[in-house]
Protein backbone atom coordinates (compact mmCIF):
# COMPACT_ATOMS: atom_id res chain seq x y z
CA UNK A 1 0.00 0.00 0.00
CA UNK A 2 1.27 3.45 -0.92
CA UNK A 3 0.40 6.22 1.53
CA UNK A 4 0.58 10.01 1.31
CA UNK A 5 0.98 11.74 4.68
CA UNK A 6 0.64 15.52 4.95
CA UNK A 7 1.45 16.56 8.53
CA UNK A 8 3.36 19.65 9.66
CA UNK A 9 4.26 18.35 13.13
CA UNK A 10 7.72 16.85 12.68
CA UNK A 11 7.50 14.45 15.63
CA UNK A 12 4.09 13.14 14.59
CA UNK A 13 5.20 12.86 10.98
CA UNK A 14 8.17 10.77 12.08
CA UNK A 15 5.92 8.58 14.25
CA UNK A 16 3.52 8.01 11.37
CA UNK A 17 6.36 7.18 9.01
CA UNK A 18 7.83 4.69 11.47
CA UNK A 19 4.57 2.83 12.12
CA UNK A 20 3.57 2.71 8.45
CA UNK A 21 6.96 1.57 7.25
CA UNK A 22 6.84 -1.06 9.98
CA UNK A 23 3.69 -2.38 8.26
CA UNK A 24 5.58 -2.56 4.98
CA UNK A 25 3.83 0.44 3.41
CA UNK A 26 5.46 2.74 0.89
CA UNK A 27 5.30 6.28 2.20
CA UNK A 28 5.62 9.87 1.05
CA UNK A 29 5.48 12.31 3.98
CA UNK A 30 5.54 16.11 3.62
CA UNK A 31 5.02 19.04 5.97
CA UNK A 32 2.84 21.46 3.99
CA UNK A 33 -0.26 21.45 1.84
CA UNK A 34 1.30 22.66 -1.39
CA UNK A 35 3.90 19.90 -1.41
CA UNK A 36 1.27 17.31 -0.55
CA UNK A 37 -1.08 18.40 -3.31
CA UNK A 38 1.75 18.37 -5.84
CA UNK A 39 2.72 14.82 -4.85
CA UNK A 40 -0.90 13.66 -5.04
CA UNK A 41 -1.13 14.99 -8.58
CA UNK A 42 2.18 13.47 -9.67
CA UNK A 43 1.91 10.00 -8.11
CA UNK A 44 -0.70 7.33 -7.47
CA UNK A 45 -1.55 6.66 -3.82
CA UNK A 46 -3.86 4.14 -2.18
CA UNK A 47 -4.79 6.52 0.64
CA UNK A 48 -3.97 9.99 1.99
CA UNK A 49 -3.67 10.99 5.66
CA UNK A 50 -4.05 14.76 5.91
CA UNK A 51 -3.80 17.09 8.89
CA UNK A 52 -6.22 20.00 8.62
CA UNK A 53 -3.97 22.66 10.15
CA UNK A 54 -1.30 22.85 7.47
CA UNK A 55 0.89 25.79 6.40
CA UNK A 56 0.74 27.33 2.89
CA UNK A 57 -2.35 25.37 1.90
CA UNK A 58 -4.78 24.09 4.52
CA UNK A 59 -5.89 20.48 4.71
CA UNK A 60 -9.40 21.51 3.64
CA UNK A 61 -8.00 23.27 0.56
CA UNK A 62 -5.95 20.20 -0.34
CA UNK A 63 -9.03 17.96 -0.08
CA UNK A 64 -11.11 20.35 -2.19
CA UNK A 65 -8.43 20.44 -4.86
CA UNK A 66 -8.14 16.65 -4.96
CA UNK A 67 -11.89 16.19 -5.31
CA UNK A 68 -12.03 18.86 -8.02
CA UNK A 69 -9.39 16.80 -9.81
CA UNK A 70 -11.78 13.82 -9.50
CA UNK A 71 -9.25 11.95 -7.38
CA UNK A 72 -11.25 9.36 -5.46
CA UNK A 73 -8.51 7.96 -3.22
CA UNK A 74 -9.66 7.49 0.39
CA UNK A 75 -8.80 10.46 2.61
CA UNK A 76 -8.44 10.27 6.40
CA UNK A 77 -8.17 13.61 8.20
CA UNK A 78 -6.41 14.36 11.50
CA UNK A 79 -8.04 16.94 13.78
CA UNK A 80 -7.55 18.40 17.24
CA UNK A 81 -9.69 17.21 20.14
CA UNK A 82 -13.02 19.01 20.41
CA UNK A 83 -12.78 20.68 17.01
CA UNK A 84 -16.00 19.13 15.74
CA UNK A 85 -16.57 21.86 13.15
CA UNK A 86 -13.28 20.89 11.50
CA UNK A 87 -14.45 17.27 11.28
CA UNK A 88 -17.72 18.27 9.65
CA UNK A 89 -16.02 20.66 7.23
CA UNK A 90 -13.50 18.00 6.26
CA UNK A 91 -16.21 15.41 5.63
CA UNK A 92 -18.37 17.88 3.71
CA UNK A 93 -15.46 18.66 1.40
CA UNK A 94 -14.70 15.05 0.53
CA UNK A 95 -12.84 13.33 3.38
CA UNK A 96 -13.92 9.76 4.13
CA UNK A 97 -13.00 9.44 7.80
CA UNK A 98 -11.32 11.32 10.64
CA UNK A 99 -9.15 10.66 13.67
CA UNK A 100 -8.84 12.96 16.67
CA UNK A 101 -5.41 13.74 18.15
CA UNK A 102 -3.93 12.26 20.23
CA UNK A 103 -4.55 8.79 18.90
CA UNK A 104 -3.07 5.30 19.00
CA UNK A 105 -1.18 4.32 15.88
CA UNK A 106 -2.94 0.94 15.96
CA UNK A 107 -6.28 2.69 15.49
CA UNK A 108 -4.87 4.80 12.66
CA UNK A 109 -3.64 1.70 10.84
CA UNK A 110 -6.96 -0.08 11.37
CA UNK A 111 -8.92 2.85 9.94
CA UNK A 112 -6.57 3.10 6.97
CA UNK A 113 -6.91 -0.60 6.20
CA UNK A 114 -10.70 -0.37 6.45
CA UNK A 115 -10.84 2.55 4.02
CA UNK A 116 -8.58 0.88 1.48
CA UNK A 117 -10.41 -2.42 1.84
CA UNK A 118 -13.74 -0.75 1.16
CA UNK A 119 -12.35 1.01 -1.89
CA UNK A 120 -11.48 -2.26 -3.63
CA UNK A 121 -13.89 -4.89 -2.32
CA UNK A 122 -16.76 -4.66 -4.77
CA UNK A 123 -18.21 -7.44 -6.93
CA UNK A 124 -19.57 -6.86 -10.44
CA UNK A 125 -23.19 -5.87 -9.84
CA UNK A 126 -25.37 -3.19 -11.39
CA UNK A 127 -28.21 -1.67 -9.39
CA UNK A 128 -30.80 0.56 -11.03
CA UNK A 129 -33.38 2.61 -9.16
CA UNK A 130 -35.33 5.02 -11.33
CA UNK A 131 -32.87 7.34 -13.13
CA UNK A 132 -29.99 6.30 -10.84
CA UNK A 133 -27.67 3.49 -11.94
CA UNK A 134 -24.87 2.11 -9.74
CA UNK A 135 -22.06 -0.18 -10.94
CA UNK A 136 -20.21 -1.91 -8.11
CA UNK A 137 -17.35 -3.15 -10.27
CA UNK A 138 -16.48 0.31 -11.55
CA UNK A 139 -17.70 2.04 -8.37
CA UNK A 140 -19.66 4.54 -10.44
CA UNK A 141 -23.04 6.17 -10.10
CA UNK A 142 -24.93 7.71 -13.00
CA UNK A 143 -28.08 9.80 -13.11
CA UNK A 144 -29.82 9.71 -16.48
CA UNK A 145 -26.56 8.31 -17.91
CA UNK A 146 -24.52 11.22 -16.53
CA UNK A 147 -21.77 10.22 -14.08
CA UNK A 148 -21.50 11.94 -10.71
CA UNK A 149 -18.39 12.05 -8.55
CA UNK A 150 -18.57 10.39 -5.13
CA UNK A 151 -16.04 9.74 -2.39
CA UNK A 152 -15.57 6.20 -1.09
CA UNK A 153 -17.79 6.78 1.95
CA UNK A 154 -20.51 8.43 -0.14
CA UNK A 155 -20.38 5.50 -2.53
CA UNK A 156 -20.54 3.03 0.34
CA UNK A 157 -23.68 4.68 1.73
CA UNK A 158 -25.55 4.94 -1.57
CA UNK A 159 -24.63 1.35 -2.46
CA UNK A 160 -26.11 0.11 0.81
CA UNK A 161 -29.25 2.22 0.52
CA UNK A 162 -29.89 1.24 -3.11
CA UNK A 163 -29.28 -2.45 -2.38
CA UNK A 164 -32.03 -2.25 0.24
CA UNK A 165 -34.26 0.23 -1.61
CA UNK A 166 -37.61 0.70 0.09
CA UNK A 167 -36.36 -0.59 3.44
CA UNK A 168 -35.56 1.53 6.49
CA UNK A 169 -31.85 1.49 7.38
CA UNK A 170 -31.09 2.76 10.87
CA UNK A 171 -28.27 5.22 11.41
CA UNK A 172 -26.51 2.64 13.59
CA UNK A 173 -26.72 -0.04 10.89
CA UNK A 174 -25.56 2.38 8.22
CA UNK A 175 -22.63 3.53 10.37
CA UNK A 176 -21.59 -0.07 11.04
CA UNK A 177 -21.79 -0.92 7.34
CA UNK A 178 -19.84 2.13 6.23
CA UNK A 179 -17.03 1.86 8.77
CA UNK A 180 -16.80 -1.89 9.44
CA UNK A 181 -15.02 -1.12 12.70
CA UNK A 182 -16.06 -0.89 16.35
CA UNK A 183 -15.02 2.75 16.63
CA UNK A 184 -17.03 5.51 18.28
CA UNK A 185 -18.46 7.89 15.71
CA UNK A 186 -20.01 11.32 16.11
CA UNK A 187 -23.73 11.04 15.47
CA UNK A 188 -23.62 13.71 12.78
CA UNK A 189 -21.10 11.93 10.53
CA UNK A 190 -23.71 9.90 8.65
CA UNK A 191 -25.95 12.98 8.48
CA UNK A 192 -23.15 14.89 6.78
CA UNK A 193 -22.69 12.16 4.17
CA UNK A 194 -26.46 11.95 3.57
CA UNK A 195 -26.67 15.72 3.06
CA UNK A 196 -23.80 15.58 0.56
CA UNK A 197 -25.45 12.71 -1.31
CA UNK A 198 -28.76 14.55 -1.55
CA UNK A 199 -27.06 17.53 -3.16
CA UNK A 200 -25.29 15.33 -5.68
CA UNK A 201 -28.16 12.96 -6.49
CA UNK A 202 -31.00 15.47 -6.48
CA UNK A 203 -29.72 19.07 -6.76
CA UNK A 204 -33.13 20.34 -7.92
CA UNK A 205 -35.04 18.42 -5.19
CA UNK A 206 -37.03 16.73 -7.95
CA UNK A 207 -36.98 13.05 -6.95
CA UNK A 208 -36.11 13.02 -3.20
CA UNK A 209 -34.30 9.65 -3.38
CA UNK A 210 -33.25 9.54 0.30
CA UNK A 211 -35.95 9.90 2.92
CA UNK A 212 -35.21 10.64 6.58
CA UNK A 213 -37.50 8.95 9.08
CA UNK A 214 -36.94 10.71 12.38
CA UNK A 215 -35.77 8.35 15.08
CA UNK A 216 -35.79 5.38 12.69
CA UNK A 217 -33.19 5.98 9.97
CA UNK A 218 -33.11 6.44 6.20
CA UNK A 219 -34.90 4.90 3.24
CA UNK A 220 -34.08 4.95 -0.47
CA UNK A 221 -37.45 5.84 -1.98
CA UNK A 222 -36.90 4.81 -5.61
CA UNK A 223 -37.81 1.22 -6.43
CA UNK A 224 -35.07 -1.16 -7.50
CA UNK A 225 -35.58 -2.49 -11.04
């Protein structure tokens, strides 16, 4: 696995490099956003670990630029304790997961493995619900034959909802399916992903494909064909 680490704290950057290299990963580690973005555009990575408080170019700006480039590699963000707005902003701009400092390197590695595993573990299945078509082999979603860009976590959520179209999926079940790990998650993480998906799938609020049932969960309203 090839990892891009963008972290300005020298000690933490060294710790991350040591633990990842100990796992046999190939690593590129830089201290500022501009260098990290340049590397991401020049090389292919399996995952990026990005601190949000970077010099020159913030972590949020790096994530935005990568998603504008249609780079779909999994992104895990590092944030300070209690900075929940940073977590939400990172997720809204295309990050797939977050980890709060300080953290155990074992948890970091487990989250990274889960993200990469999810990005490559699809079978060849097509799911069609109304104008929305999902291809699990190519990990693509089209609306009226027009492709839309999704992050890995967004894709994971819509794949699960469309597979069980018409059924109510609780937030707890959806969180467990998306993360595949017994980690505590802020309750608003899934809500952030759902809000992002609604904007991408139904920008004109014409078909309302994802219904929220207060206290019960979410339901994909379009019938599976």
